[in-house]
Every structure is written in structure tokens, then in C-alpha cells.
Amino acid sequence: MRPVTKSKLFRLLRPVAICYLLFCVLLALLQRRLIYHPSQATEPAMLEQARAARCEPWRAPGGAIIGWKAVRPPGPPPAHRLVVFHGNAGCALQRRHYIEGFGELDDGDSWEVFLFEYPGYGARPGEISEASFIEAGVQALDALAAADSRPIYLLGESLGSGLACALARRQPQRVAGLFLVTPLASLGGVAAHHYPFLPVRLLLRDRWDNGAALRDYPGPVAVFLAGEDEVVTAAQGRLLYEQFAGRKHLSVEPHVGHNDFSATAVWWRPVSDFLLADAPARLSPP
């Protein structure tokens, strides 16, 4: 058999290399379609769904709908506010189980839950990107802080943990605490797990680096891990938990997957008690 020369080897490998590079380019161009999977509907359709779910719009000062909250009877509001940032799929109104889980504790006196909607999701217009989400999140916290002085906590689910951590980094004195559900340490880490043969860390435009975002955060952080998380992986959430040096609490359900979140889980109360152990009486000044 004649030996393969370097030039012949190059000719053989060149088509493979070209295909690989073209695949990387295609992945870079389509990455946000692969990362974000919004459910979209008209505003009248979303309002009808909200009425059926006993929710009402959460509106920005200008009147635009930026999320949802439970319809409440007249009377004093709950002592604390919890803003929920949902995962990369669906829309905010599909996360009503957080209202049921936290909003019903202590006969509804502890938590008023706000389901934040991302730009480009539901009926909300806007660009789907890390920068757009963060800008909208900052505006939402500004609106809540201007409305009253009740403490604000953030709940970040899956990819939504990225926005929760990013806001804690930018406004640490405004964010009283975090609850991160199946969180990621970084989007690059998740992508590298699923695509180990690609230079995904170099290709990503949206980074969502939660470990870096929480490096100096002074508040409490509660973390929930799904032991059989097939999407983010439990290792990502545990890495984030171990990286955080502040006061923290870990809940683990070892035999559930990423989307098997339970609204009746026994740890609603422990997480609430942990977050409120050192609850501030009022918000710090912006």
C-alpha cells in the first residue's frame, strides 16, 4: 500500500474542515433561535388566559404590560415582593405555580409574586437577547422600587437565573435575596456540555455568566437542583452554588428532571424561611 502524503491528507481533510467551519458559522447565526423558545400571542389572547388563571396585568408606569400577578382582594399587601424570571421556553403566565407556591404561604401575607415577561415573549414586543432582557429587568425593578418600599426578591428559573443574577450584580442593594431554580453557572458551560466538539464559548453572543455576576453579591441565595437535570445539568447548578461565598441554602430532588418542577414541593416553606431570616424592613435607597 502506498503511503499517504501530507498533500493527499490535506486534500482529504479539507472538505471536512470546510463543513465544520460552515456548521460553526450556521450555529453562530442561529444561536438565539436555539437558545430561546418563546410562546407568543396577541395581547387580547394573553388577557383572556390571565383572567382564566385569576391573574391581572403587571403594567409599567407607561401602561405597557410587562408581566402578571395574582388578582388580590382589597386589604394590606403582602410584606415582600418576589419577581419570577422564567426559563427559556413558553411565557410568564405559564409559571403560575410560583404564585401558588409562594403567594399562598402564611395565608398570602408574606409574598406578592410578579411573573415578569421577557421582550419578545407572550404579547410583549422587543428583541430577544441578553442585553434586552437586562434592560427590561432594570426598568421593572425601578418601577417596583418607585411604587413602594417593600423588599424585592428575585426568582430565576433555568435560563432566567441569568437575568436574576445579572440584576443582583447591577443593583445589589435593591435585590434582597435570590432563589435560583435549576440554575446554570454559565451559558457557555451548558453549551459546552451539549456540544463538546464545537468552540461554543467563542461563538456565544449571550453569556449569562452567573458565577461572575454573584461574586460580590451580599444577599442570601437559595438554590434548587434537579438531580436528573438533562438540560442544564445538576453539575452546573452545584458549581454555581459552590462558587457563591455568601449565605446560601441548597434544596435537591435527586430523582426529577429539569422540567419536573413541583408546585407542592415540601421545600417551599424552608426556602421562604431562609430568604426572610434577615429580611430588611425597607428597601435601601436606589
Protein backbone atom coordinates (compact mmCIF):
# COMPACT_ATOMS: atom_id res chain seq x y z
CA MET A 1 0.00 0.00 0.00
CA ARG A 2 1.35 3.41 -0.96
CA PRO A 3 1.83 5.79 2.00
CA VAL A 4 -0.48 8.81 2.29
CA THR A 5 1.45 12.01 1.66
CA LYS A 6 0.85 15.25 3.53
CA SER A 7 -0.64 16.90 0.48
CA LYS A 8 -3.03 14.00 -0.10
CA LEU A 9 -4.03 14.02 3.57
CA PHE A 10 -4.71 17.74 3.32
CA ARG A 11 -6.92 17.19 0.27
CA LEU A 12 -8.83 14.53 2.15
CA LEU A 13 -9.35 16.62 5.28
CA ARG A 14 -10.12 19.93 3.58
CA PRO A 15 -13.79 19.13 2.81
CA VAL A 16 -14.29 18.00 6.41
CA ALA A 17 -12.73 21.22 7.73
CA ILE A 18 -14.84 23.34 5.40
CA CYS A 19 -18.02 21.58 6.51
CA TYR A 20 -17.04 22.02 10.16
CA LEU A 21 -16.42 25.75 9.70
CA LEU A 22 -19.68 26.22 7.82
CA PHE A 23 -21.53 24.41 10.61
CA CYS A 24 -19.92 26.72 13.19
CA VAL A 25 -20.96 29.78 11.17
CA LEU A 26 -24.52 28.47 10.87
CA LEU A 27 -24.64 27.79 14.60
CA ALA A 28 -23.38 31.29 15.35
CA LEU A 29 -26.04 32.84 13.13
CA LEU A 30 -28.90 30.77 14.52
CA GLN A 31 -27.80 30.56 18.14
CA ARG A 32 -30.60 32.67 19.62
CA ARG A 33 -33.19 30.51 17.88
CA LEU A 34 -31.56 27.51 19.51
CA ILE A 35 -31.37 29.12 22.96
CA TYR A 36 -34.70 30.95 23.26
CA HIS A 37 -38.06 29.30 22.57
CA PRO A 38 -40.78 31.88 23.21
CA SER A 39 -44.53 31.32 23.17
CA GLN A 40 -46.19 34.31 21.57
CA ALA A 41 -49.79 35.52 21.41
CA THR A 42 -51.78 38.69 20.97
CA GLU A 43 -52.45 40.90 23.97
CA PRO A 44 -56.22 40.15 23.97
CA ALA A 45 -55.44 36.42 23.95
CA MET A 46 -53.00 36.79 26.85
CA LEU A 47 -55.51 38.86 28.82
CA GLU A 48 -58.12 36.14 28.33
CA GLN A 49 -55.65 33.50 29.57
CA ALA A 50 -54.82 35.69 32.56
CA ARG A 51 -58.49 36.04 33.53
CA ALA A 52 -58.89 32.27 33.39
CA ALA A 53 -55.83 31.91 35.65
CA ARG A 54 -57.12 34.57 38.09
CA CYS A 55 -54.26 36.90 37.19
CA GLU A 56 -54.12 40.52 36.15
CA PRO A 57 -51.56 42.52 34.16
CA TRP A 58 -48.45 43.92 35.79
CA ARG A 59 -48.01 47.21 33.98
CA ALA A 60 -45.08 49.59 33.59
CA PRO A 61 -45.68 53.23 34.55
CA GLY A 62 -46.49 53.97 30.90
CA GLY A 63 -49.22 51.31 30.84
CA ALA A 64 -47.45 48.56 28.88
CA ILE A 65 -47.89 45.00 30.18
CA ILE A 66 -44.55 43.70 31.49
CA GLY A 67 -45.87 40.64 33.32
CA TRP A 68 -48.63 39.26 35.51
CA LYS A 69 -49.67 39.00 39.14
CA ALA A 70 -52.50 37.36 41.06
CA VAL A 71 -55.79 39.16 41.47
CA ARG A 72 -55.91 40.10 45.16
CA PRO A 73 -58.82 41.10 47.39
CA PRO A 74 -58.78 44.57 48.97
CA GLY A 75 -56.59 44.94 52.01
CA PRO A 76 -52.96 45.36 53.05
CA PRO A 77 -50.45 43.95 50.54
CA PRO A 78 -48.06 41.11 51.42
CA ALA A 79 -44.89 42.11 53.21
CA HIS A 80 -42.46 41.10 50.45
CA ARG A 81 -42.33 41.02 46.65
CA LEU A 82 -40.97 38.18 44.52
CA VAL A 83 -40.23 38.71 40.82
CA VAL A 84 -40.12 35.50 38.77
CA PHE A 85 -37.90 35.22 35.68
CA HIS A 86 -38.95 32.08 33.83
CA GLY A 87 -36.90 29.70 31.71
CA ASN A 88 -36.10 29.95 28.01
CA ALA A 89 -39.36 28.41 26.76
CA GLY A 90 -43.03 29.34 26.95
CA CYS A 91 -44.15 32.57 28.58
CA ALA A 92 -44.53 34.07 32.05
CA LEU A 93 -48.20 33.24 32.52
CA GLN A 94 -47.37 29.53 32.33
CA ARG A 95 -45.47 29.86 35.63
CA ARG A 96 -48.48 30.48 37.84
CA HIS A 97 -47.32 27.65 40.12
CA TYR A 98 -44.89 30.14 41.68
CA ILE A 99 -47.86 32.28 42.70
CA GLU A 100 -49.46 29.19 44.21
CA GLY A 101 -46.26 28.08 45.93
CA PHE A 102 -45.11 31.36 47.44
CA GLY A 103 -48.20 33.55 47.22
CA GLU A 104 -50.26 31.24 49.41
CA LEU A 105 -47.76 30.92 52.27
CA ASP A 106 -48.89 32.46 55.56
CA ASP A 107 -52.39 32.97 54.16
CA GLY A 108 -50.96 35.23 51.46
CA ASP A 109 -49.36 37.68 53.89
CA SER A 110 -45.69 37.03 53.04
CA TRP A 111 -45.28 37.19 49.26
CA GLU A 112 -46.74 39.12 46.37
CA VAL A 113 -45.49 37.31 43.26
CA PHE A 114 -44.86 39.07 39.95
CA LEU A 115 -44.36 36.98 36.79
CA PHE A 116 -42.02 39.02 34.61
CA GLU A 117 -42.35 38.69 30.83
CA TYR A 118 -39.33 38.95 28.55
CA PRO A 119 -39.26 41.17 25.47
CA GLY A 120 -40.29 39.03 22.51
CA TYR A 121 -42.30 36.60 24.67
CA GLY A 122 -46.05 36.41 25.16
CA ALA A 123 -47.57 39.61 23.81
CA ARG A 124 -44.60 41.77 24.73
CA PRO A 125 -42.69 43.30 21.81
CA GLY A 126 -38.92 43.64 21.76
CA GLU A 127 -35.65 41.97 20.91
CA ILE A 128 -34.79 38.58 22.38
CA SER A 129 -31.26 38.97 23.75
CA GLU A 130 -29.30 39.18 26.99
CA ALA A 131 -28.91 42.95 26.73
CA SER A 132 -32.62 43.48 26.01
CA PHE A 133 -33.70 41.28 28.92
CA ILE A 134 -31.37 43.05 31.36
CA GLU A 135 -32.55 46.50 30.27
CA ALA A 136 -36.19 45.44 30.70
CA GLY A 137 -35.41 43.85 34.06
CA VAL A 138 -33.76 47.02 35.36
CA GLN A 139 -36.80 49.05 34.32
CA ALA A 140 -39.10 46.60 36.10
CA LEU A 141 -37.13 46.87 39.35
CA ASP A 142 -37.14 50.66 39.01
CA ALA A 143 -40.92 50.59 38.73
CA LEU A 144 -41.32 48.33 41.77
CA ALA A 145 -38.93 50.44 43.85
CA ALA A 146 -40.82 53.59 42.92
CA ALA A 147 -44.17 52.01 43.82
CA ASP A 148 -43.37 51.27 47.49
CA SER A 149 -40.59 50.23 49.86
CA ARG A 150 -41.39 46.53 50.35
CA PRO A 151 -38.29 44.35 49.84
CA ILE A 152 -37.78 42.82 46.40
CA TYR A 153 -36.59 39.24 45.92
CA LEU A 154 -35.87 37.55 42.61
CA LEU A 155 -36.58 34.00 41.45
CA GLY A 156 -34.67 32.81 38.40
CA GLU A 157 -35.71 29.57 36.69
CA SER A 158 -33.17 27.85 34.41
CA LEU A 159 -32.06 30.50 31.89
CA GLY A 160 -34.00 33.03 33.96
CA SER A 161 -31.36 32.57 36.66
CA GLY A 162 -29.12 34.56 34.33
CA LEU A 163 -31.34 37.63 34.49
CA ALA A 164 -31.86 37.29 38.24
CA CYS A 165 -28.10 37.14 38.83
CA ALA A 166 -27.38 39.96 36.37
CA LEU A 167 -29.81 42.26 38.18
CA ALA A 168 -28.36 41.29 41.57
CA ARG A 169 -24.96 42.30 40.22
CA ARG A 170 -26.18 45.66 38.92
CA GLN A 171 -28.44 46.59 41.83
CA PRO A 172 -27.25 44.59 44.84
CA GLN A 173 -28.79 46.94 47.39
CA ARG A 174 -32.18 46.72 45.70
CA VAL A 175 -32.29 42.90 45.46
CA ALA A 176 -32.91 41.50 48.95
CA GLY A 177 -32.33 37.84 48.00
CA LEU A 178 -32.36 35.23 45.24
CA PHE A 179 -34.00 31.86 44.66
CA LEU A 180 -32.41 30.06 41.70
CA VAL A 181 -34.31 27.05 40.30
CA THR A 182 -32.26 24.58 38.19
CA PRO A 183 -29.76 27.38 37.51
CA LEU A 184 -26.70 27.46 35.29
CA ALA A 185 -23.24 28.63 36.28
CA SER A 186 -22.76 29.98 32.76
CA LEU A 187 -24.44 29.53 29.41
CA GLY A 188 -21.05 28.66 27.93
CA GLY A 189 -20.74 25.76 30.35
CA VAL A 190 -24.15 24.38 29.39
CA ALA A 191 -23.44 24.75 25.67
CA ALA A 192 -20.05 23.06 26.01
CA HIS A 193 -21.72 20.10 27.75
CA HIS A 194 -24.13 19.58 24.87
CA TYR A 195 -21.71 20.45 22.05
CA PRO A 196 -18.24 19.37 23.24
CA PHE A 197 -16.97 19.17 19.65
CA LEU A 198 -17.66 22.86 18.94
CA PRO A 199 -15.97 26.11 20.13
CA VAL A 200 -19.25 27.28 21.64
CA ARG A 201 -17.69 29.59 24.23
CA LEU A 202 -16.17 31.62 21.39
CA LEU A 203 -19.41 31.67 19.38
CA LEU A 204 -21.86 32.76 22.09
CA ARG A 205 -23.22 36.30 21.98
CA ASP A 206 -25.28 35.93 25.17
CA ARG A 207 -23.04 34.78 28.01
CA TRP A 208 -25.21 34.67 31.14
CA ASP A 209 -22.23 34.18 33.44
CA ASN A 210 -23.95 33.72 36.80
CA GLY A 211 -20.83 32.78 38.72
CA ALA A 212 -19.20 36.10 37.87
CA ALA A 213 -22.44 38.03 38.48
CA LEU A 214 -22.77 36.72 42.05
CA ARG A 215 -19.12 37.09 43.01
CA ASP A 216 -19.74 40.16 45.20
CA TYR A 217 -23.45 39.85 45.85
CA PRO A 218 -24.11 40.40 49.60
CA GLY A 219 -27.60 38.91 49.90
CA PRO A 220 -28.84 35.34 50.55
CA VAL A 221 -29.06 32.84 47.69
CA ALA A 222 -31.25 29.71 47.72
CA VAL A 223 -30.65 27.07 45.03
CA PHE A 224 -32.85 24.20 43.88
CA LEU A 225 -31.28 21.34 41.89
CA ALA A 226 -32.99 18.57 39.91
CA GLY A 227 -30.80 15.53 40.34
CA GLU A 228 -31.56 14.17 36.85
CA ASP A 229 -31.49 17.52 35.06
CA GLU A 230 -30.95 16.63 31.41
CA VAL A 231 -30.93 20.23 30.14
CA VAL A 232 -28.79 22.45 32.37
CA THR A 233 -27.41 19.50 34.41
CA ALA A 234 -27.26 19.38 38.19
CA ALA A 235 -23.48 19.82 37.96
CA GLN A 236 -23.96 23.34 36.60
CA GLY A 237 -26.22 24.33 39.47
CA ARG A 238 -23.95 22.76 42.06
CA LEU A 239 -20.96 24.59 40.58
CA LEU A 240 -22.81 27.90 40.92
CA TYR A 241 -23.79 27.05 44.50
CA GLU A 242 -20.18 26.18 45.39
CA GLN A 243 -18.84 29.34 43.72
CA PHE A 244 -21.07 31.60 45.78
CA ALA A 245 -19.32 32.52 49.03
CA GLY A 246 -22.23 34.21 50.81
CA ARG A 247 -25.16 32.94 52.88
CA LYS A 248 -26.80 30.13 50.91
CA HIS A 249 -29.30 27.29 51.05
CA LEU A 250 -29.45 24.17 48.87
CA SER A 251 -32.50 22.04 48.03
CA VAL A 252 -32.12 18.88 45.92
CA GLU A 253 -34.69 16.48 44.49
CA PRO A 254 -32.47 13.62 43.27
CA HIS A 255 -34.90 11.76 41.01
CA VAL A 256 -36.51 14.55 38.97
CA GLY A 257 -35.64 16.07 35.61
CA HIS A 258 -35.25 19.65 34.50
CA ASN A 259 -38.94 20.22 33.77
CA ASP A 260 -40.35 18.14 36.62
CA PHE A 261 -40.65 21.08 38.97
CA SER A 262 -43.28 20.54 41.67
CA ALA A 263 -45.53 23.35 42.84
CA THR A 264 -46.34 21.39 46.00
CA ALA A 265 -42.76 20.61 46.99
CA VAL A 266 -42.04 20.41 50.70
CA TRP A 267 -39.24 22.95 50.42
CA TRP A 268 -41.44 25.99 49.68
CA ARG A 269 -41.50 26.78 53.39
CA PRO A 270 -37.77 26.20 54.10
CA VAL A 271 -36.78 28.38 51.15
CA SER A 272 -39.14 31.15 52.22
CA ASP A 273 -37.90 30.99 55.82
CA PHE A 274 -34.29 31.08 54.65
CA LEU A 275 -34.79 34.11 52.42
CA LEU A 276 -36.72 36.02 55.07
CA ALA A 277 -34.41 35.21 58.01
CA ASP A 278 -32.69 38.59 57.67
CA ALA A 279 -35.34 40.36 55.65
CA PRO A 280 -34.89 44.13 55.52
CA ALA A 281 -37.74 46.23 56.80
CA ARG A 282 -37.46 48.61 53.86
CA LEU A 283 -35.63 48.84 50.58
CA SER A 284 -32.26 50.51 50.54
CA PRO A 285 -32.21 53.74 48.52
CA PRO A 286 -31.69 53.24 44.77
